[in-house]
Amino acid sequence: MIASLKGTLETLSSGYVVINVGGVGFQVFMPVSTVLTMGGLGEEVRVHTHTHVREDAILLYGFSSEEDLKLFQLLIDVTGVGPKLALAMFSTMNAEQLVSAIAGGSEELLTAIPGVGKKLAGRLILELRDKLKSGWGGAKVVPVGDDDEDVLAALLGLGYSAAEASHAVATLPHGKHVTLEEKVKQALSYFGGK
C-alpha cells in the first residue's frame, strides 16, 4: 500500500496530478479543491494517499492532510460510496462542511451533492454520525434542525451551492424563536456581507 508520496509535481489536471518520485510518475486522483492548492509544476509536493485496488487497476487517491484522507476512507466504507463519489463529495464541500452535514444530520445538504440521493444520505448519516460527532479534528458540528433544513432547501433552491448554504446556516442564531422567513433573510444577509 502506498501511504504517501513526496516528489516533483509533473502534471496538473482538473481531477488528478502526476507526481514524479525517483523517475516514476504516479497519477493521483484528487478533489478539485486540493488540486488547486498543489502549487506549480516542478515544485516538490507531498500528498497522503489511499491505494484502491480493483480487478483491472490500482488507483491512488490523494489528499493534502491525513484528516481528509481518514474522512475519505470512512466515506468509502459506507455501502454505495465508491472512491469517485467520495471525491465528488470533497469537490462539493470541504472536509469540515462534510463532517458538519453528516454529524448534524443534514440530508438536504448531502443530497445537493451530485450522485447522493435521499437513501444514501440517510445511510451516511446513520453509519457515520456517531463516529464524526465524537470529534473530528476541530470541525464545528452544527446540528441541523427542521427549520434549518427548510432554510437550506430555500438557499439551494435559489441556486447557492451546498457549501455556501451550509456556511450561511452555520451563522444563524440557534435557540431563538425566529420564523422561517426571518431565518432565510438572515441567511441571505450572510451573502450580502461578504
C-alpha atoms as a PDB file:
ATOM      1  CA  MET A   1       0.000   0.000   0.000  1.00  0.00           C
ATOM      2  CA  ILE A   2       1.268   3.462  -0.882  1.00  0.00           C
ATOM      3  CA  ALA A   3       0.521   5.713   2.127  1.00  0.00           C
ATOM      4  CA  SER A   4       2.087   8.946   0.849  1.00  0.00           C
ATOM      5  CA  LEU A   5       4.112  10.380  -1.993  1.00  0.00           C
ATOM      6  CA  LYS A   6       6.762  13.076  -1.983  1.00  0.00           C
ATOM      7  CA  GLY A   7       8.125  14.229  -5.299  1.00  0.00           C
ATOM      8  CA  THR A   8       8.046  16.738  -8.129  1.00  0.00           C
ATOM      9  CA  LEU A   9       4.719  17.915  -9.491  1.00  0.00           C
ATOM     10  CA  GLU A  10       4.779  16.946 -13.157  1.00  0.00           C
ATOM     11  CA  THR A  11       1.177  17.376 -14.347  1.00  0.00           C
ATOM     12  CA  LEU A  12      -1.876  19.284 -13.089  1.00  0.00           C
ATOM     13  CA  SER A  13      -5.345  18.407 -14.355  1.00  0.00           C
ATOM     14  CA  SER A  14      -8.877  19.067 -13.138  1.00  0.00           C
ATOM     15  CA  GLY A  15      -9.200  15.769 -11.254  1.00  0.00           C
ATOM     16  CA  TYR A  16      -5.683  14.451 -10.860  1.00  0.00           C
ATOM     17  CA  VAL A  17      -1.984  15.255 -10.663  1.00  0.00           C
ATOM     18  CA  VAL A  18       1.118  13.347 -11.685  1.00  0.00           C
ATOM     19  CA  ILE A  19       3.904  13.284  -9.110  1.00  0.00           C
ATOM     20  CA  ASN A  20       7.363  12.170 -10.206  1.00  0.00           C
ATOM     21  CA  VAL A  21       9.031  10.154  -7.462  1.00  0.00           C
ATOM     22  CA  GLY A  22      12.504   8.940  -8.384  1.00  0.00           C
ATOM     23  CA  GLY A  23      11.788   8.927 -12.104  1.00  0.00           C
ATOM     24  CA  VAL A  24       8.379   7.214 -11.814  1.00  0.00           C
ATOM     25  CA  GLY A  25       5.265   9.298 -12.451  1.00  0.00           C
ATOM     26  CA  PHE A  26       2.350   8.430 -10.159  1.00  0.00           C
ATOM     27  CA  GLN A  27      -1.121   9.549 -11.217  1.00  0.00           C
ATOM     28  CA  VAL A  28      -3.023  10.616  -8.103  1.00  0.00           C
ATOM     29  CA  PHE A  29      -6.743  11.412  -8.271  1.00  0.00           C
ATOM     30  CA  MET A  30      -7.735  14.328  -6.031  1.00  0.00           C
ATOM     31  CA  PRO A  31     -10.654  16.622  -5.264  1.00  0.00           C
ATOM     32  CA  VAL A  32     -10.553  19.728  -7.440  1.00  0.00           C
ATOM     33  CA  SER A  33     -10.109  21.883  -4.332  1.00  0.00           C
ATOM     34  CA  THR A  34      -6.914  20.002  -3.424  1.00  0.00           C
ATOM     35  CA  VAL A  35      -5.533  20.147  -6.972  1.00  0.00           C
ATOM     36  CA  LEU A  36      -5.892  23.937  -6.890  1.00  0.00           C
ATOM     37  CA  THR A  37      -3.674  24.166  -3.801  1.00  0.00           C
ATOM     38  CA  MET A  38      -0.890  21.882  -5.039  1.00  0.00           C
ATOM     39  CA  GLY A  39       1.403  24.622  -6.303  1.00  0.00           C
ATOM     40  CA  GLY A  40       3.185  24.992  -9.611  1.00  0.00           C
ATOM     41  CA  LEU A  41       4.714  22.480 -11.968  1.00  0.00           C
ATOM     42  CA  GLY A  42       8.239  21.492 -10.987  1.00  0.00           C
ATOM     43  CA  GLU A  43       7.661  22.150  -7.279  1.00  0.00           C
ATOM     44  CA  GLU A  44       8.168  19.472  -4.643  1.00  0.00           C
ATOM     45  CA  VAL A  45       4.886  18.260  -3.142  1.00  0.00           C
ATOM     46  CA  ARG A  46       3.721  15.702  -0.598  1.00  0.00           C
ATOM     47  CA  VAL A  47       0.329  14.017  -0.540  1.00  0.00           C
ATOM     48  CA  HIS A  48      -1.291  11.428   1.715  1.00  0.00           C
ATOM     49  CA  THR A  49      -2.695   8.645  -0.420  1.00  0.00           C
ATOM     50  CA  HIS A  50      -5.225   5.846  -0.385  1.00  0.00           C
ATOM     51  CA  THR A  51      -4.409   2.877  -2.626  1.00  0.00           C
ATOM     52  CA  HIS A  52      -7.548   1.443  -4.209  1.00  0.00           C
ATOM     53  CA  VAL A  53      -7.160  -1.977  -5.833  1.00  0.00           C
ATOM     54  CA  ARG A  54      -9.635  -3.194  -8.433  1.00  0.00           C
ATOM     55  CA  GLU A  55      -9.531  -6.184 -10.769  1.00  0.00           C
ATOM     56  CA  ASP A  56      -8.344  -4.035 -13.642  1.00  0.00           C
ATOM     57  CA  ALA A  57      -6.421  -1.191 -11.962  1.00  0.00           C
ATOM     58  CA  ILE A  58      -4.522   0.073  -8.955  1.00  0.00           C
ATOM     59  CA  LEU A  59      -5.560   3.685  -8.313  1.00  0.00           C
ATOM     60  CA  LEU A  60      -4.194   6.326  -5.965  1.00  0.00           C
ATOM     61  CA  TYR A  61      -6.376   8.963  -4.304  1.00  0.00           C
ATOM     62  CA  GLY A  62      -4.548  11.834  -2.663  1.00  0.00           C
ATOM     63  CA  PHE A  63      -5.209  14.484  -0.025  1.00  0.00           C
ATOM     64  CA  SER A  64      -3.229  17.324   1.470  1.00  0.00           C
ATOM     65  CA  SER A  65      -3.901  16.248   5.078  1.00  0.00           C
ATOM     66  CA  GLU A  66      -4.191  12.983   6.971  1.00  0.00           C
ATOM     67  CA  GLU A  67      -7.581  14.063   8.348  1.00  0.00           C
ATOM     68  CA  ASP A  68      -9.007  14.453   4.835  1.00  0.00           C
ATOM     69  CA  LEU A  69      -7.629  11.017   3.952  1.00  0.00           C
ATOM     70  CA  LYS A  70      -9.224   9.451   7.055  1.00  0.00           C
ATOM     71  CA  LEU A  71     -12.593  11.033   6.212  1.00  0.00           C
ATOM     72  CA  PHE A  72     -12.300   9.750   2.623  1.00  0.00           C
ATOM     73  CA  GLN A  73     -11.629   6.241   3.970  1.00  0.00           C
ATOM     74  CA  LEU A  74     -14.652   6.469   6.292  1.00  0.00           C
ATOM     75  CA  LEU A  75     -16.834   7.568   3.374  1.00  0.00           C
ATOM     76  CA  ILE A  76     -15.809   4.722   1.069  1.00  0.00           C
ATOM     77  CA  ASP A  77     -16.539   2.195   3.835  1.00  0.00           C
ATOM     78  CA  VAL A  78     -20.223   3.148   3.547  1.00  0.00           C
ATOM     79  CA  THR A  79     -22.134   0.846   1.193  1.00  0.00           C
ATOM     80  CA  GLY A  80     -22.878   2.683  -2.039  1.00  0.00           C
ATOM     81  CA  VAL A  81     -19.987   5.150  -1.773  1.00  0.00           C
ATOM     82  CA  GLY A  82     -17.046   4.444  -4.039  1.00  0.00           C
ATOM     83  CA  PRO A  83     -13.878   6.492  -4.441  1.00  0.00           C
ATOM     84  CA  LYS A  84     -15.273   8.563  -7.333  1.00  0.00           C
ATOM     85  CA  LEU A  85     -18.374   9.569  -5.369  1.00  0.00           C
ATOM     86  CA  ALA A  86     -16.279  10.315  -2.268  1.00  0.00           C
ATOM     87  CA  LEU A  87     -14.077  12.606  -4.404  1.00  0.00           C
ATOM     88  CA  ALA A  88     -17.198  14.314  -5.744  1.00  0.00           C
ATOM     89  CA  MET A  89     -18.272  14.900  -2.142  1.00  0.00           C
ATOM     90  CA  PHE A  90     -14.899  16.513  -1.362  1.00  0.00           C
ATOM     91  CA  SER A  91     -15.154  18.618  -4.525  1.00  0.00           C
ATOM     92  CA  THR A  92     -18.598  19.906  -3.496  1.00  0.00           C
ATOM     93  CA  MET A  93     -17.776  20.603   0.168  1.00  0.00           C
ATOM     94  CA  ASN A  94     -14.601  20.764   2.210  1.00  0.00           C
ATOM     95  CA  ALA A  95     -13.987  18.166   4.941  1.00  0.00           C
ATOM     96  CA  GLU A  96     -15.323  20.398   7.726  1.00  0.00           C
ATOM     97  CA  GLN A  97     -18.581  21.001   5.849  1.00  0.00           C
ATOM     98  CA  LEU A  98     -18.968  17.288   5.087  1.00  0.00           C
ATOM     99  CA  VAL A  99     -18.429  16.377   8.725  1.00  0.00           C
ATOM    100  CA  SER A 100     -20.899  19.051   9.816  1.00  0.00           C
ATOM    101  CA  ALA A 101     -23.527  17.910   7.286  1.00  0.00           C
ATOM    102  CA  ILE A 102     -23.237  14.242   8.272  1.00  0.00           C
ATOM    103  CA  ALA A 103     -22.887  14.676  12.042  1.00  0.00           C
ATOM    104  CA  GLY A 104     -25.568  17.376  12.023  1.00  0.00           C
ATOM    105  CA  GLY A 105     -27.972  15.082  10.160  1.00  0.00           C
ATOM    106  CA  SER A 106     -28.497  17.342   7.150  1.00  0.00           C
ATOM    107  CA  GLU A 107     -29.932  15.183   4.377  1.00  0.00           C
ATOM    108  CA  GLU A 108     -30.686  18.379   2.448  1.00  0.00           C
ATOM    109  CA  LEU A 109     -27.005  19.318   2.166  1.00  0.00           C
ATOM    110  CA  LEU A 110     -25.903  15.788   1.348  1.00  0.00           C
ATOM    111  CA  THR A 111     -28.475  15.325  -1.414  1.00  0.00           C
ATOM    112  CA  ALA A 112     -27.178  18.523  -3.025  1.00  0.00           C
ATOM    113  CA  ILE A 113     -24.022  16.551  -3.893  1.00  0.00           C
ATOM    114  CA  PRO A 114     -24.285  15.031  -7.386  1.00  0.00           C
ATOM    115  CA  GLY A 115     -24.761  11.265  -7.051  1.00  0.00           C
ATOM    116  CA  VAL A 116     -26.093  11.329  -3.468  1.00  0.00           C
ATOM    117  CA  GLY A 117     -29.786  10.580  -3.174  1.00  0.00           C
ATOM    118  CA  LYS A 118     -32.019  10.637  -0.123  1.00  0.00           C
ATOM    119  CA  LYS A 119     -31.413   6.939   0.661  1.00  0.00           C
ATOM    120  CA  LEU A 120     -27.618   7.257   0.507  1.00  0.00           C
ATOM    121  CA  ALA A 121     -27.680  10.496   2.520  1.00  0.00           C
ATOM    122  CA  GLY A 122     -29.650   8.679   5.225  1.00  0.00           C
ATOM    123  CA  ARG A 123     -27.166   5.800   5.191  1.00  0.00           C
ATOM    124  CA  LEU A 124     -24.198   8.208   5.515  1.00  0.00           C
ATOM    125  CA  ILE A 125     -25.840   9.900   8.492  1.00  0.00           C
ATOM    126  CA  LEU A 126     -26.804   6.598  10.127  1.00  0.00           C
ATOM    127  CA  GLU A 127     -23.388   4.960   9.738  1.00  0.00           C
ATOM    128  CA  LEU A 128     -21.087   7.941  10.317  1.00  0.00           C
ATOM    129  CA  ARG A 129     -22.913  10.385  12.587  1.00  0.00           C
ATOM    130  CA  ASP A 130     -21.668   8.936  15.880  1.00  0.00           C
ATOM    131  CA  LYS A 131     -18.120   8.456  14.594  1.00  0.00           C
ATOM    132  CA  LEU A 132     -17.942  12.069  13.453  1.00  0.00           C
ATOM    133  CA  LYS A 133     -19.764  13.638  16.414  1.00  0.00           C
ATOM    134  CA  SER A 134     -17.126  12.325  18.812  1.00  0.00           C
ATOM    135  CA  GLY A 135     -14.793  14.975  17.454  1.00  0.00           C
ATOM    136  CA  TRP A 136     -13.339  15.286  14.038  1.00  0.00           C
ATOM    137  CA  GLY A 137     -10.184  17.365  14.005  1.00  0.00           C
ATOM    138  CA  GLY A 138     -11.731  20.579  15.237  1.00  0.00           C
ATOM    139  CA  ALA A 139     -14.579  20.586  12.723  1.00  0.00           C
ATOM    140  CA  LYS A 140     -17.508  22.516  14.083  1.00  0.00           C
ATOM    141  CA  VAL A 141     -20.547  20.246  14.069  1.00  0.00           C
ATOM    142  CA  VAL A 142     -23.670  22.295  13.549  1.00  0.00           C
ATOM    143  CA  PRO A 143     -26.791  20.297  14.310  1.00  0.00           C
ATOM    144  CA  VAL A 144     -29.414  20.952  11.676  1.00  0.00           C
ATOM    145  CA  GLY A 145     -32.957  21.310  12.969  1.00  0.00           C
ATOM    146  CA  ASP A 146     -36.130  21.069  10.929  1.00  0.00           C
ATOM    147  CA  ASP A 147     -36.238  24.848  10.466  1.00  0.00           C
ATOM    148  CA  ASP A 148     -32.611  24.839   9.311  1.00  0.00           C
ATOM    149  CA  GLU A 149     -33.433  22.112   6.778  1.00  0.00           C
ATOM    150  CA  ASP A 150     -36.074  24.441   5.332  1.00  0.00           C
ATOM    151  CA  VAL A 151     -33.566  27.298   5.188  1.00  0.00           C
ATOM    152  CA  LEU A 152     -31.071  25.010   3.432  1.00  0.00           C
ATOM    153  CA  ALA A 153     -33.727  23.953   0.946  1.00  0.00           C
ATOM    154  CA  ALA A 154     -34.586  27.595   0.246  1.00  0.00           C
ATOM    155  CA  LEU A 155     -30.927  28.557  -0.314  1.00  0.00           C
ATOM    156  CA  LEU A 156     -30.296  25.541  -2.538  1.00  0.00           C
ATOM    157  CA  GLY A 157     -33.455  26.406  -4.475  1.00  0.00           C
ATOM    158  CA  LEU A 158     -32.100  29.921  -5.011  1.00  0.00           C
ATOM    159  CA  GLY A 159     -29.011  28.449  -6.646  1.00  0.00           C
ATOM    160  CA  TYR A 160     -26.459  28.599  -3.832  1.00  0.00           C
ATOM    161  CA  SER A 161     -24.074  25.642  -3.590  1.00  0.00           C
ATOM    162  CA  ALA A 162     -24.252  23.182  -0.724  1.00  0.00           C
ATOM    163  CA  ALA A 163     -21.050  24.649   0.716  1.00  0.00           C
ATOM    164  CA  GLU A 164     -22.374  28.227   0.561  1.00  0.00           C
ATOM    165  CA  ALA A 165     -25.715  27.209   2.065  1.00  0.00           C
ATOM    166  CA  SER A 166     -24.069  25.344   4.949  1.00  0.00           C
ATOM    167  CA  HIS A 167     -21.866  28.361   5.749  1.00  0.00           C
ATOM    168  CA  ALA A 168     -24.891  30.638   5.813  1.00  0.00           C
ATOM    169  CA  VAL A 169     -26.928  28.282   8.032  1.00  0.00           C
ATOM    170  CA  ALA A 170     -23.993  27.923  10.429  1.00  0.00           C
ATOM    171  CA  THR A 171     -24.164  31.686  11.081  1.00  0.00           C
ATOM    172  CA  LEU A 172     -27.826  31.579  12.125  1.00  0.00           C
ATOM    173  CA  PRO A 173     -28.569  32.061  15.825  1.00  0.00           C
ATOM    174  CA  HIS A 174     -29.770  28.823  17.428  1.00  0.00           C
ATOM    175  CA  GLY A 175     -32.215  28.570  20.286  1.00  0.00           C
ATOM    176  CA  LYS A 176     -34.158  31.721  19.399  1.00  0.00           C
ATOM    177  CA  HIS A 177     -37.727  31.526  18.165  1.00  0.00           C
ATOM    178  CA  VAL A 178     -37.446  33.092  14.745  1.00  0.00           C
ATOM    179  CA  THR A 179     -39.788  32.488  11.825  1.00  0.00           C
ATOM    180  CA  LEU A 180     -38.588  30.622   8.768  1.00  0.00           C
ATOM    181  CA  GLU A 181     -38.881  33.798   6.712  1.00  0.00           C
ATOM    182  CA  GLU A 182     -36.608  35.687   9.131  1.00  0.00           C
ATOM    183  CA  LYS A 183     -34.069  32.856   9.110  1.00  0.00           C
ATOM    184  CA  VAL A 184     -33.947  32.909   5.309  1.00  0.00           C
ATOM    185  CA  LYS A 185     -33.462  36.696   5.380  1.00  0.00           C
ATOM    186  CA  GLN A 186     -30.637  36.341   7.921  1.00  0.00           C
ATOM    187  CA  ALA A 187     -29.019  33.621   5.826  1.00  0.00           C
ATOM    188  CA  LEU A 188     -29.240  35.810   2.709  1.00  0.00           C
ATOM    189  CA  SER A 189     -27.700  38.711   4.622  1.00  0.00           C
ATOM    190  CA  TYR A 190     -24.661  36.464   5.174  1.00  0.00           C
ATOM    191  CA  PHE A 191     -24.067  36.596   1.418  1.00  0.00           C
ATOM    192  CA  GLY A 192     -24.603  40.350   1.327  1.00  0.00           C
ATOM    193  CA  GLY A 193     -21.952  40.899   3.995  1.00  0.00           C
ATOM    194  CA  LYS A 194     -19.217  39.029   2.095  1.00  0.00           C
END
